[in-house]
Amino acid sequence: MPWYGHLKHTDVPLWKVILISWGIAFFEYCLMVPANRLGYLQFSAAQLKIMQEVITLVVFGFFSVFYLKEEFKWNYGVAFCFILLAVFFAFKKWD
């Protein structure tokens, strides 16, 4: 979410927004890299990426509604259902 939080604070100079965003992203990556390394013991790289995207979209959904005060539209819900189908297909054991 560091890339979008600044949208509510357009009075902050862009160079500061960039530095703050990259600082937050660096912290996120410091958590994500070890999580992926540990997760790769049980899941494939594709499964890890799909999990990451779903988690990001869920968090972003709440962020956009509660922080940015944007409306959650019906077509966003439909799109999220399709993403959940991707999760199903990625994690289903096809024997």
PDB file of N, CA and C in Angstrom:
ATOM      1  N   MET A   1       0.784  -1.192   0.000  1.00  0.00           N
ATOM      2  CA  MET A   1       0.000   0.000   0.000  1.00  0.00           C
ATOM      3  C   MET A   1       0.839   1.277   0.000  1.00  0.00           C
ATOM      4  N   PRO A   2       2.143   1.202   0.121  1.00  0.00           N
ATOM      5  CA  PRO A   2       2.885   2.466   0.143  1.00  0.00           C
ATOM      6  C   PRO A   2       2.736   3.245  -1.152  1.00  0.00           C
ATOM      7  N   TRP A   3       2.412   2.570  -2.229  1.00  0.00           N
ATOM      8  CA  TRP A   3       2.317   3.256  -3.517  1.00  0.00           C
ATOM      9  C   TRP A   3       1.038   4.081  -3.613  1.00  0.00           C
ATOM     10  N   TYR A   4       0.040   3.793  -2.766  1.00  0.00           N
ATOM     11  CA  TYR A   4      -1.254   4.451  -2.890  1.00  0.00           C
ATOM     12  C   TYR A   4      -1.603   5.376  -1.727  1.00  0.00           C
ATOM     13  N   GLY A   5      -0.941   5.230  -0.598  1.00  0.00           N
ATOM     14  CA  GLY A   5      -1.247   6.055   0.560  1.00  0.00           C
ATOM     15  C   GLY A   5      -1.079   7.535   0.309  1.00  0.00           C
ATOM     16  N   HIS A   6      -0.170   7.901  -0.556  1.00  0.00           N
ATOM     17  CA  HIS A   6       0.095   9.311  -0.848  1.00  0.00           C
ATOM     18  C   HIS A   6      -1.036   9.977  -1.612  1.00  0.00           C
ATOM     19  N   LEU A   7      -1.949   9.197  -2.180  1.00  0.00           N
ATOM     20  CA  LEU A   7      -3.030   9.788  -2.962  1.00  0.00           C
ATOM     21  C   LEU A   7      -3.925  10.677  -2.105  1.00  0.00           C
ATOM     22  N   LYS A   8      -3.941  10.390  -0.802  1.00  0.00           N
ATOM     23  CA  LYS A   8      -4.748  11.196   0.100  1.00  0.00           C
ATOM     24  C   LYS A   8      -3.994  12.446   0.566  1.00  0.00           C
ATOM     25  N   HIS A   9      -2.698  12.498   0.334  1.00  0.00           N
ATOM     26  CA  HIS A   9      -1.867  13.610   0.801  1.00  0.00           C
ATOM     27  C   HIS A   9      -1.126  14.237  -0.385  1.00  0.00           C
ATOM     28  N   THR A  10      -1.871  14.873  -1.259  1.00  0.00           N
ATOM     29  CA  THR A  10      -1.280  15.427  -2.480  1.00  0.00           C
ATOM     30  C   THR A  10      -0.451  16.674  -2.217  1.00  0.00           C
ATOM     31  N   ASP A  11      -0.480  17.184  -0.983  1.00  0.00           N
ATOM     32  CA  ASP A  11       0.307  18.372  -0.659  1.00  0.00           C
ATOM     33  C   ASP A  11       1.772  18.035  -0.339  1.00  0.00           C
ATOM     34  N   VAL A  12       2.077  16.748  -0.130  1.00  0.00           N
ATOM     35  CA  VAL A  12       3.447  16.324   0.171  1.00  0.00           C
ATOM     36  C   VAL A  12       4.246  16.276  -1.137  1.00  0.00           C
ATOM     37  N   PRO A  13       5.447  16.847  -1.143  1.00  0.00           N
ATOM     38  CA  PRO A  13       6.257  16.827  -2.371  1.00  0.00           C
ATOM     39  C   PRO A  13       6.519  15.394  -2.863  1.00  0.00           C
ATOM     40  N   LEU A  14       6.531  15.251  -4.158  1.00  0.00           N
ATOM     41  CA  LEU A  14       6.664  13.929  -4.769  1.00  0.00           C
ATOM     42  C   LEU A  14       7.943  13.214  -4.337  1.00  0.00           C
ATOM     43  N   TRP A  15       9.053  13.930  -4.205  1.00  0.00           N
ATOM     44  CA  TRP A  15      10.308  13.274  -3.827  1.00  0.00           C
ATOM     45  C   TRP A  15      10.207  12.662  -2.435  1.00  0.00           C
ATOM     46  N   LYS A  16       9.466  13.309  -1.522  1.00  0.00           N
ATOM     47  CA  LYS A  16       9.274  12.742  -0.186  1.00  0.00           C
ATOM     48  C   LYS A  16       8.398  11.487  -0.254  1.00  0.00           C
ATOM     49  N   VAL A  17       7.369  11.564  -1.079  1.00  0.00           N
ATOM     50  CA  VAL A  17       6.474  10.412  -1.250  1.00  0.00           C
ATOM     51  C   VAL A  17       7.258   9.210  -1.773  1.00  0.00           C
ATOM     52  N   ILE A  18       8.141   9.452  -2.723  1.00  0.00           N
ATOM     53  CA  ILE A  18       8.944   8.369  -3.295  1.00  0.00           C
ATOM     54  C   ILE A  18       9.843   7.748  -2.227  1.00  0.00           C
ATOM     55  N   LEU A  19      10.525   8.584  -1.448  1.00  0.00           N
ATOM     56  CA  LEU A  19      11.408   8.060  -0.399  1.00  0.00           C
ATOM     57  C   LEU A  19      10.637   7.284   0.664  1.00  0.00           C
ATOM     58  N   ILE A  20       9.507   7.824   1.095  1.00  0.00           N
ATOM     59  CA  ILE A  20       8.697   7.129   2.101  1.00  0.00           C
ATOM     60  C   ILE A  20       8.169   5.811   1.540  1.00  0.00           C
ATOM     61  N   SER A  21       7.675   5.836   0.318  1.00  0.00           N
ATOM     62  CA  SER A  21       7.142   4.617  -0.303  1.00  0.00           C
ATOM     63  C   SER A  21       8.200   3.535  -0.414  1.00  0.00           C
ATOM     64  N   TRP A  22       9.404   3.910  -0.846  1.00  0.00           N
ATOM     65  CA  TRP A  22      10.468   2.916  -0.977  1.00  0.00           C
ATOM     66  C   TRP A  22      10.940   2.421   0.382  1.00  0.00           C
ATOM     67  N   GLY A  23      10.883   3.279   1.398  1.00  0.00           N
ATOM     68  CA  GLY A  23      11.220   2.834   2.748  1.00  0.00           C
ATOM     69  C   GLY A  23      10.248   1.790   3.253  1.00  0.00           C
ATOM     70  N   ILE A  24       8.961   2.026   3.014  1.00  0.00           N
ATOM     71  CA  ILE A  24       7.944   1.045   3.413  1.00  0.00           C
ATOM     72  C   ILE A  24       8.095  -0.233   2.605  1.00  0.00           C
ATOM     73  N   ALA A  25       8.322  -0.089   1.307  1.00  0.00           N
ATOM     74  CA  ALA A  25       8.488  -1.269   0.449  1.00  0.00           C
ATOM     75  C   ALA A  25       9.698  -2.091   0.889  1.00  0.00           C
ATOM     76  N   PHE A  26      10.769  -1.420   1.285  1.00  0.00           N
ATOM     77  CA  PHE A  26      11.956  -2.139   1.755  1.00  0.00           C
ATOM     78  C   PHE A  26      11.613  -2.993   2.974  1.00  0.00           C
ATOM     79  N   PHE A  27      10.857  -2.418   3.912  1.00  0.00           N
ATOM     80  CA  PHE A  27      10.436  -3.176   5.098  1.00  0.00           C
ATOM     81  C   PHE A  27       9.574  -4.372   4.698  1.00  0.00           C
ATOM     82  N   GLU A  28       8.646  -4.159   3.760  1.00  0.00           N
ATOM     83  CA  GLU A  28       7.798  -5.257   3.275  1.00  0.00           C
ATOM     84  C   GLU A  28       8.651  -6.376   2.679  1.00  0.00           C
ATOM     85  N   TYR A  29       9.629  -6.017   1.865  1.00  0.00           N
ATOM     86  CA  TYR A  29      10.494  -7.016   1.237  1.00  0.00           C
ATOM     87  C   TYR A  29      11.337  -7.751   2.263  1.00  0.00           C
ATOM     88  N   CYS A  30      11.730  -7.052   3.327  1.00  0.00           N
ATOM     89  CA  CYS A  30      12.498  -7.721   4.392  1.00  0.00           C
ATOM     90  C   CYS A  30      11.678  -8.819   5.066  1.00  0.00           C
ATOM     91  N   LEU A  31      10.365  -8.694   5.042  1.00  0.00           N
ATOM     92  CA  LEU A  31       9.488  -9.742   5.566  1.00  0.00           C
ATOM     93  C   LEU A  31       9.139 -10.772   4.497  1.00  0.00           C
ATOM     94  N   MET A  32       8.951 -10.300   3.276  1.00  0.00           N
ATOM     95  CA  MET A  32       8.490 -11.178   2.200  1.00  0.00           C
ATOM     96  C   MET A  32       9.555 -12.181   1.758  1.00  0.00           C
ATOM     97  N   VAL A  33      10.793 -11.756   1.672  1.00  0.00           N
ATOM     98  CA  VAL A  33      11.842 -12.650   1.176  1.00  0.00           C
ATOM     99  C   VAL A  33      12.007 -13.873   2.081  1.00  0.00           C
ATOM    100  N   PRO A  34      12.132 -13.706   3.404  1.00  0.00           N
ATOM    101  CA  PRO A  34      12.223 -14.910   4.254  1.00  0.00           C
ATOM    102  C   PRO A  34      10.943 -15.756   4.223  1.00  0.00           C
ATOM    103  N   ALA A  35       9.783 -15.090   4.125  1.00  0.00           N
ATOM    104  CA  ALA A  35       8.522 -15.836   4.061  1.00  0.00           C
ATOM    105  C   ALA A  35       8.482 -16.701   2.808  1.00  0.00           C
ATOM    106  N   ASN A  36       8.934 -16.157   1.677  1.00  0.00           N
ATOM    107  CA  ASN A  36       8.964 -16.945   0.442  1.00  0.00           C
ATOM    108  C   ASN A  36       9.964 -18.093   0.541  1.00  0.00           C
ATOM    109  N   ARG A  37      11.101 -17.845   1.161  1.00  0.00           N
ATOM    110  CA  ARG A  37      12.105 -18.896   1.307  1.00  0.00           C
ATOM    111  C   ARG A  37      11.533 -20.053   2.135  1.00  0.00           C
ATOM    112  N   LEU A  38      10.872 -19.713   3.243  1.00  0.00           N
ATOM    113  CA  LEU A  38      10.269 -20.758   4.082  1.00  0.00           C
ATOM    114  C   LEU A  38       9.080 -21.418   3.380  1.00  0.00           C
ATOM    115  N   GLY A  39       8.270 -20.609   2.720  1.00  0.00           N
ATOM    116  CA  GLY A  39       7.093 -21.143   2.037  1.00  0.00           C
ATOM    117  C   GLY A  39       7.436 -22.067   0.896  1.00  0.00           C
ATOM    118  N   TYR A  40       8.601 -21.845   0.287  1.00  0.00           N
ATOM    119  CA  TYR A  40       9.016 -22.657  -0.857  1.00  0.00           C
ATOM    120  C   TYR A  40       9.324 -24.093  -0.447  1.00  0.00           C
ATOM    121  N   LEU A  41       9.466 -24.331   0.845  1.00  0.00           N
ATOM    122  CA  LEU A  41       9.652 -25.701   1.323  1.00  0.00           C
ATOM    123  C   LEU A  41       8.387 -26.529   1.129  1.00  0.00           C
ATOM    124  N   GLN A  42       7.231 -25.853   1.082  1.00  0.00           N
ATOM    125  CA  GLN A  42       5.950 -26.558   0.976  1.00  0.00           C
ATOM    126  C   GLN A  42       5.179 -26.225  -0.303  1.00  0.00           C
ATOM    127  N   PHE A  43       5.359 -25.025  -0.833  1.00  0.00           N
ATOM    128  CA  PHE A  43       4.573 -24.574  -1.982  1.00  0.00           C
ATOM    129  C   PHE A  43       5.480 -24.286  -3.173  1.00  0.00           C
ATOM    130  N   SER A  44       4.900 -24.306  -4.366  1.00  0.00           N
ATOM    131  CA  SER A  44       5.665 -23.943  -5.563  1.00  0.00           C
ATOM    132  C   SER A  44       5.773 -22.418  -5.637  1.00  0.00           C
ATOM    133  N   ALA A  45       6.659 -21.941  -6.488  1.00  0.00           N
ATOM    134  CA  ALA A  45       6.827 -20.497  -6.663  1.00  0.00           C
ATOM    135  C   ALA A  45       5.529 -19.862  -7.175  1.00  0.00           C
ATOM    136  N   ALA A  46       4.844 -20.547  -8.068  1.00  0.00           N
ATOM    137  CA  ALA A  46       3.579 -20.016  -8.591  1.00  0.00           C
ATOM    138  C   ALA A  46       2.529 -19.916  -7.490  1.00  0.00           C
ATOM    139  N   GLN A  47       2.458 -20.929  -6.640  1.00  0.00           N
ATOM    140  CA  GLN A  47       1.504 -20.887  -5.530  1.00  0.00           C
ATOM    141  C   GLN A  47       1.832 -19.762  -4.560  1.00  0.00           C
ATOM    142  N   LEU A  48       3.106 -19.560  -4.281  1.00  0.00           N
ATOM    143  CA  LEU A  48       3.507 -18.469  -3.398  1.00  0.00           C
ATOM    144  C   LEU A  48       3.105 -17.113  -3.977  1.00  0.00           C
ATOM    145  N   LYS A  49       3.310 -16.946  -5.271  1.00  0.00           N
ATOM    146  CA  LYS A  49       2.964 -15.679  -5.926  1.00  0.00           C
ATOM    147  C   LYS A  49       1.459 -15.449  -5.899  1.00  0.00           C
ATOM    148  N   ILE A  50       0.691 -16.498  -6.146  1.00  0.00           N
ATOM    149  CA  ILE A  50      -0.766 -16.368  -6.120  1.00  0.00           C
ATOM    150  C   ILE A  50      -1.241 -16.000  -4.717  1.00  0.00           C
ATOM    151  N   MET A  51      -0.668 -16.634  -3.688  1.00  0.00           N
ATOM    152  CA  MET A  51      -1.013 -16.268  -2.312  1.00  0.00           C
ATOM    153  C   MET A  51      -0.691 -14.808  -2.038  1.00  0.00           C
ATOM    154  N   GLN A  52       0.475 -14.378  -2.485  1.00  0.00           N
ATOM    155  CA  GLN A  52       0.894 -12.993  -2.257  1.00  0.00           C
ATOM    156  C   GLN A  52      -0.091 -12.019  -2.898  1.00  0.00           C
ATOM    157  N   GLU A  53      -0.508 -12.304  -4.103  1.00  0.00           N
ATOM    158  CA  GLU A  53      -1.428 -11.407  -4.805  1.00  0.00           C
ATOM    159  C   GLU A  53      -2.789 -11.359  -4.124  1.00  0.00           C
ATOM    160  N   VAL A  54      -3.287 -12.507  -3.685  1.00  0.00           N
ATOM    161  CA  VAL A  54      -4.592 -12.538  -3.019  1.00  0.00           C
ATOM    162  C   VAL A  54      -4.534 -11.746  -1.709  1.00  0.00           C
ATOM    163  N   ILE A  55      -3.484 -11.952  -0.932  1.00  0.00           N
ATOM    164  CA  ILE A  55      -3.328 -11.209   0.320  1.00  0.00           C
ATOM    165  C   ILE A  55      -3.242  -9.717   0.037  1.00  0.00           C
ATOM    166  N   THR A  56      -2.463  -9.342  -0.974  1.00  0.00           N
ATOM    167  CA  THR A  56      -2.325  -7.934  -1.333  1.00  0.00           C
ATOM    168  C   THR A  56      -3.669  -7.337  -1.731  1.00  0.00           C
ATOM    169  N   LEU A  57      -4.447  -8.064  -2.529  1.00  0.00           N
ATOM    170  CA  LEU A  57      -5.730  -7.539  -2.986  1.00  0.00           C
ATOM    171  C   LEU A  57      -6.747  -7.422  -1.857  1.00  0.00           C
ATOM    172  N   VAL A  58      -6.736  -8.359  -0.929  1.00  0.00           N
ATOM    173  CA  VAL A  58      -7.648  -8.274   0.221  1.00  0.00           C
ATOM    174  C   VAL A  58      -7.297  -7.051   1.069  1.00  0.00           C
ATOM    175  N   VAL A  59      -6.024  -6.912   1.379  1.00  0.00           N
ATOM    176  CA  VAL A  59      -5.582  -5.763   2.184  1.00  0.00           C
ATOM    177  C   VAL A  59      -5.874  -4.463   1.441  1.00  0.00           C
ATOM    178  N   PHE A  60      -5.580  -4.437   0.131  1.00  0.00           N
ATOM    179  CA  PHE A  60      -5.829  -3.232  -0.644  1.00  0.00           C
ATOM    180  C   PHE A  60      -7.309  -2.897  -0.712  1.00  0.00           C
ATOM    181  N   GLY A  61      -8.159  -3.907  -0.781  1.00  0.00           N
ATOM    182  CA  GLY A  61      -9.602  -3.666  -0.791  1.00  0.00           C
ATOM    183  C   GLY A  61     -10.045  -2.907   0.458  1.00  0.00           C
ATOM    184  N   PHE A  62      -9.598  -3.380   1.619  1.00  0.00           N
ATOM    185  CA  PHE A  62      -9.930  -2.689   2.862  1.00  0.00           C
ATOM    186  C   PHE A  62      -9.305  -1.284   2.896  1.00  0.00           C
ATOM    187  N   PHE A  63      -8.055  -1.180   2.456  1.00  0.00           N
ATOM    188  CA  PHE A  63      -7.346   0.094   2.428  1.00  0.00           C
ATOM    189  C   PHE A  63      -8.093   1.114   1.572  1.00  0.00           C
ATOM    190  N   SER A  64      -8.511   0.708   0.386  1.00  0.00           N
ATOM    191  CA  SER A  64      -9.157   1.661  -0.518  1.00  0.00           C
ATOM    192  C   SER A  64     -10.530   2.093   0.003  1.00  0.00           C
ATOM    193  N   VAL A  65     -11.241   1.183   0.671  1.00  0.00           N
ATOM    194  CA  VAL A  65     -12.566   1.529   1.195  1.00  0.00           C
ATOM    195  C   VAL A  65     -12.450   2.373   2.468  1.00  0.00           C
ATOM    196  N   PHE A  66     -11.609   1.949   3.404  1.00  0.00           N
ATOM    197  CA  PHE A  66     -11.585   2.616   4.708  1.00  0.00           C
ATOM    198  C   PHE A  66     -10.611   3.793   4.790  1.00  0.00           C
ATOM    199  N   TYR A  67      -9.529   3.785   4.041  1.00  0.00           N
ATOM    200  CA  TYR A  67      -8.566   4.886   4.103  1.00  0.00           C
ATOM    201  C   TYR A  67      -8.791   5.901   2.981  1.00  0.00           C
ATOM    202  N   LEU A  68      -8.898   5.395   1.760  1.00  0.00           N
ATOM    203  CA  LEU A  68      -9.110   6.299   0.629  1.00  0.00           C
ATOM    204  C   LEU A  68     -10.574   6.682   0.445  1.00  0.00           C
ATOM    205  N   LYS A  69     -11.461   6.001   1.183  1.00  0.00           N
ATOM    206  CA  LYS A  69     -12.913   6.276   1.136  1.00  0.00           C
ATOM    207  C   LYS A  69     -13.492   6.083  -0.258  1.00  0.00           C
ATOM    208  N   GLU A  70     -13.014   5.057  -0.954  1.00  0.00           N
ATOM    209  CA  GLU A  70     -13.556   4.742  -2.273  1.00  0.00           C
ATOM    210  C   GLU A  70     -14.644   3.682  -2.144  1.00  0.00           C
ATOM    211  N   GLU A  71     -15.568   3.711  -3.062  1.00  0.00           N
ATOM    212  CA  GLU A  71     -16.667   2.748  -3.074  1.00  0.00           C
ATOM    213  C   GLU A  71     -16.182   1.400  -3.604  1.00  0.00           C
ATOM    214  N   PHE A  72     -16.617   0.315  -2.946  1.00  0.00           N
ATOM    215  CA  PHE A  72     -16.326  -1.024  -3.449  1.00  0.00           C
ATOM    216  C   PHE A  72     -17.468  -1.412  -4.377  1.00  0.00           C
ATOM    217  N   LYS A  73     -17.193  -1.479  -5.656  1.00  0.00           N
ATOM    218  CA  LYS A  73     -18.236  -1.712  -6.662  1.00  0.00           C
ATOM    219  C   LYS A  73     -18.440  -3.201  -6.901  1.00  0.00           C
ATOM    220  N   TRP A  74     -19.589  -3.535  -7.451  1.00  0.00           N
ATOM    221  CA  TRP A  74     -19.945  -4.939  -7.668  1.00  0.00           C
ATOM    222  C   TRP A  74     -18.959  -5.641  -8.594  1.00  0.00           C
ATOM    223  N   ASN A  75     -18.452  -4.928  -9.607  1.00  0.00           N
ATOM    224  CA  ASN A  75     -17.540  -5.569 -10.555  1.00  0.00           C
ATOM    225  C   ASN A  75     -16.196  -5.889  -9.900  1.00  0.00           C
ATOM    226  N   TYR A  76     -15.812  -5.164  -8.854  1.00  0.00           N
ATOM    227  CA  TYR A  76     -14.611  -5.519  -8.106  1.00  0.00           C
ATOM    228  C   TYR A  76     -14.824  -6.852  -7.399  1.00  0.00           C
ATOM    229  N   GLY A  77     -16.024  -7.034  -6.862  1.00  0.00           N
ATOM    230  CA  GLY A  77     -16.366  -8.298  -6.203  1.00  0.00           C
ATOM    231  C   GLY A  77     -16.318  -9.471  -7.175  1.00  0.00           C
ATOM    232  N   VAL A  78     -16.847  -9.261  -8.372  1.00  0.00           N
ATOM    233  CA  VAL A  78     -16.808 -10.310  -9.391  1.00  0.00           C
ATOM    234  C   VAL A  78     -15.357 -10.630  -9.765  1.00  0.00           C
ATOM    235  N   ALA A  79     -14.558  -9.597  -9.946  1.00  0.00           N
ATOM    236  CA  ALA A  79     -13.146  -9.811 -10.278  1.00  0.00           C
ATOM    237  C   ALA A  79     -12.449 -10.584  -9.172  1.00  0.00           C
ATOM    238  N   PHE A  80     -12.743 -10.267  -7.919  1.00  0.00           N
ATOM    239  CA  PHE A  80     -12.135 -10.983  -6.809  1.00  0.00           C
ATOM    240  C   PHE A  80     -12.563 -12.453  -6.797  1.00  0.00           C
ATOM    241  N   CYS A  81     -13.807 -12.723  -7.160  1.00  0.00           N
ATOM    242  CA  CYS A  81     -14.259 -14.126  -7.251  1.00  0.00           C
ATOM    243  C   CYS A  81     -13.446 -14.894  -8.294  1.00  0.00           C
ATOM    244  N   PHE A  82     -13.133 -14.261  -9.399  1.00  0.00           N
ATOM    245  CA  PHE A  82     -12.295 -14.907 -10.410  1.00  0.00           C
ATOM    246  C   PHE A  82     -10.887 -15.177  -9.873  1.00  0.00           C
ATOM    247  N   ILE A  83     -10.390 -14.267  -9.069  1.00  0.00           N
ATOM    248  CA  ILE A  83      -9.078 -14.474  -8.462  1.00  0.00           C
ATOM    249  C   ILE A  83      -9.136 -15.661  -7.502  1.00  0.00           C
ATOM    250  N   LEU A  84     -10.223 -15.788  -6.766  1.00  0.00           N
ATOM    251  CA  LEU A  84     -10.386 -16.946  -5.885  1.00  0.00           C
ATOM    252  C   LEU A  84     -10.449 -18.245  -6.678  1.00  0.00           C
ATOM    253  N   LEU A  85     -11.015 -18.191  -7.872  1.00  0.00           N
ATOM    254  CA  LEU A  85     -10.993 -19.366  -8.745  1.00  0.00           C
ATOM    255  C   LEU A  85      -9.563 -19.718  -9.140  1.00  0.00           C
ATOM    256  N   ALA A  86      -8.745 -18.706  -9.377  1.00  0.00           N
ATOM    257  CA  ALA A  86      -7.332 -18.948  -9.684  1.00  0.00           C
ATOM    258  C   ALA A  86      -6.657 -19.654  -8.516  1.00  0.00           C
ATOM    259  N   VAL A  87      -6.980 -19.244  -7.304  1.00  0.00           N
ATOM    260  CA  VAL A  87      -6.424 -19.894  -6.112  1.00  0.00           C
ATOM    261  C   VAL A  87      -6.855 -21.359  -6.080  1.00  0.00           C
ATOM    262  N   PHE A  88      -8.117 -21.600  -6.346  1.00  0.00           N
ATOM    263  CA  PHE A  88      -8.621 -22.978  -6.356  1.00  0.00           C
ATOM    264  C   PHE A  88      -7.833 -23.828  -7.351  1.00  0.00           C
ATOM    265  N   PHE A  89      -7.697 -23.341  -8.567  1.00  0.00           N
ATOM    266  CA  PHE A  89      -7.005 -24.117  -9.591  1.00  0.00           C
ATOM    267  C   PHE A  89      -5.515 -24.291  -9.293  1.00  0.00           C
ATOM    268  N   ALA A  90      -4.907 -23.309  -8.652  1.00  0.00           N
ATOM    269  CA  ALA A  90      -3.480 -23.395  -8.341  1.00  0.00           C
ATOM    270  C   ALA A  90      -3.188 -24.391  -7.213  1.00  0.00           C
ATOM    271  N   PHE A  91      -4.122 -24.530  -6.275  1.00  0.00           N
ATOM    272  CA  PHE A  91      -3.862 -25.344  -5.103  1.00  0.00           C
ATOM    273  C   PHE A  91      -4.561 -26.709  -5.118  1.00  0.00           C
ATOM    274  N   LYS A  92      -5.459 -26.908  -6.054  1.00  0.00           N
ATOM    275  CA  LYS A  92      -6.154 -28.200  -6.154  1.00  0.00           C
ATOM    276  C   LYS A  92      -5.184 -29.272  -6.612  1.00  0.00           C
ATOM    277  N   LYS A  93      -5.223 -30.403  -5.951  1.00  0.00           N
ATOM    278  CA  LYS A  93      -4.397 -31.552  -6.358  1.00  0.00           C
ATOM    279  C   LYS A  93      -5.114 -32.270  -7.504  1.00  0.00           C
ATOM    280  N   TRP A  94      -4.513 -32.258  -8.681  1.00  0.00           N
ATOM    281  CA  TRP A  94      -5.103 -32.874  -9.858  1.00  0.00           C
ATOM    282  C   TRP A  94      -4.406 -34.208 -10.099  1.00  0.00           C
ATOM    283  N   ASP A  95      -4.941 -35.246  -9.539  1.00  0.00           N
ATOM    284  CA  ASP A  95      -4.305 -36.578  -9.650  1.00  0.00           C
ATOM    285  C   ASP A  95      -4.550 -37.252 -10.957  1.00  0.00           C
TER     286      ASP A  95
END
